[in-house]
Each structure stands twice: as structure tokens, then as C-alpha cells.
Amino acid sequence: QHLEEAHALGEEWNLMYVGRSPTEPDIRRVSRHLVEPGYTLWTVGYILRLDAAKAFVEGQVQRRLAPLDHYFSIAMGKGLDGVWNENAVEWS
């Protein structure tokens, strides 16, 4: 249902969280069920588009041992001030 909603709204996305615990306010509300999230920890699940999966492989994510929750938020440009993780600038 939420995939269809994102498609119908014409939203560009590479990663969709399916349950999460935000640590920052959302950037914007897209619809009743969809938001552009701020920094997020404790994800229940997520959906990756093929382009996003390729970007993680090409970025050699396996060399950056970190919880995916941190890496996903930083890769989306959230938490770049280094407050949440000292590796933020390197990973972005």
C-alpha cells in the first residue's frame, strides 16, 4: 500500500523504512503514511530500490562496519554534523 502511495505521489526514493524510531524530527510529511525522515535508529525493516542496493555495494559498505541504521541515515545526508556518529562525513 505505501509503495503504491509513494508511486502515486511521484516521490523519488531509494530507501523506505517499514517501522522505525526517529531520533530527529521528520524533514517533511509527504502524506498520511509517508515522511522524509530525519536521523533514524532502530528500524524494524526497510525496502531498498535496486539503485540504492547498487550504491551500497559500490560504496563498499562492508568495509564500514556499522549498524545499518546509522549508515542508512548518514547515506541519506542526515546526521552529518557528527553528533550521532563520528564517521558521518566519511560515509556521506
Protein backbone atom coordinates (compact mmCIF):
# COMPACT_ATOMS: atom_id res chain seq x y z
CA GLN A 1 0.00 0.00 0.00
CA HIS A 2 2.74 2.52 0.93
CA LEU A 3 4.75 1.67 -2.19
CA GLU A 4 1.69 2.43 -4.29
CA GLU A 5 1.17 5.66 -2.34
CA ALA A 6 4.75 6.81 -2.97
CA HIS A 7 4.42 5.96 -6.66
CA ALA A 8 1.07 7.76 -6.98
CA LEU A 9 2.54 10.89 -5.38
CA GLY A 10 5.53 10.79 -7.75
CA GLU A 11 8.01 10.77 -4.86
CA GLU A 12 11.62 9.87 -5.59
CA TRP A 13 13.02 7.42 -3.04
CA ASN A 14 15.72 4.76 -2.68
CA LEU A 15 15.04 3.52 0.84
CA MET A 16 11.71 3.13 2.60
CA TYR A 17 11.60 2.34 6.31
CA VAL A 18 8.94 -0.11 7.46
CA GLY A 19 8.80 0.91 11.10
CA ARG A 20 11.45 2.99 12.83
CA SER A 21 12.34 5.02 15.89
CA PRO A 22 13.23 8.58 14.87
CA THR A 23 15.88 10.49 16.82
CA GLU A 24 15.34 13.76 14.94
CA PRO A 25 12.12 15.36 13.69
CA ASP A 26 11.00 14.39 10.21
CA ILE A 27 12.15 16.70 7.42
CA ARG A 28 8.70 16.85 5.84
CA ARG A 29 5.40 14.98 5.77
CA VAL A 30 4.64 13.71 2.27
CA SER A 31 1.28 12.08 3.06
CA ARG A 32 -0.54 10.46 5.95
CA HIS A 33 1.81 7.44 5.86
CA LEU A 34 4.95 8.82 4.21
CA VAL A 35 7.56 11.24 5.52
CA GLU A 36 11.06 12.30 4.59
CA PRO A 37 12.74 11.14 7.79
CA GLY A 38 15.36 12.79 9.90
CA TYR A 39 18.07 10.70 11.56
CA THR A 40 16.62 7.32 12.46
CA LEU A 41 17.67 4.44 14.69
CA TRP A 42 16.07 1.09 15.48
CA THR A 43 14.49 0.22 12.18
CA VAL A 44 12.07 -2.69 12.04
CA GLY A 45 12.61 -3.22 8.33
CA TYR A 46 13.24 -1.39 5.10
CA ILE A 47 12.76 -1.66 1.37
CA LEU A 48 15.66 -0.82 -0.94
CA ARG A 49 15.34 0.03 -4.60
CA LEU A 50 17.85 -1.68 -6.86
CA ASP A 51 19.76 1.58 -7.43
CA ALA A 52 20.19 2.03 -3.68
CA ALA A 53 21.42 -1.54 -3.22
CA LYS A 54 23.96 -1.00 -6.02
CA ALA A 55 25.13 2.26 -4.41
CA PHE A 56 25.75 0.46 -1.11
CA VAL A 57 27.73 -2.28 -2.85
CA GLU A 58 29.73 0.25 -4.90
CA GLY A 59 30.35 2.27 -1.73
CA GLN A 60 31.94 -0.82 -0.18
CA VAL A 61 29.63 -0.67 2.83
CA GLN A 62 31.15 -3.95 4.06
CA ARG A 63 34.37 -2.03 4.86
CA ARG A 64 32.49 0.36 7.09
CA LEU A 65 31.39 -1.87 9.92
CA ALA A 66 28.49 -0.01 11.45
CA PRO A 67 24.88 -0.68 12.27
CA LEU A 68 22.85 -0.26 9.09
CA ASP A 69 20.53 2.12 10.90
CA HIS A 70 23.41 4.61 11.29
CA TYR A 71 24.71 4.05 7.77
CA PHE A 72 21.32 4.48 6.08
CA SER A 73 20.61 7.78 7.84
CA ILE A 74 24.06 9.15 7.07
CA ALA A 75 23.95 7.96 3.46
CA MET A 76 20.71 9.95 3.10
CA GLY A 77 22.51 13.06 4.37
CA LYS A 78 21.10 13.04 7.91
CA GLY A 79 23.31 13.42 10.98
CA LEU A 80 26.23 14.89 9.01
CA ASP A 81 27.11 17.21 11.89
CA GLY A 82 28.84 14.22 13.51
CA VAL A 83 26.71 14.40 16.65
CA TRP A 84 25.33 10.90 16.18
CA ASN A 85 28.38 9.26 14.66
CA GLU A 86 31.96 10.48 14.25
CA ASN A 87 32.21 8.73 10.84
CA ALA A 88 29.31 10.69 9.30
CA VAL A 89 31.33 12.88 6.94
CA GLU A 90 33.42 9.97 5.65
CA TRP A 91 30.33 7.83 4.93
CA SER A 92 28.35 10.53 3.14
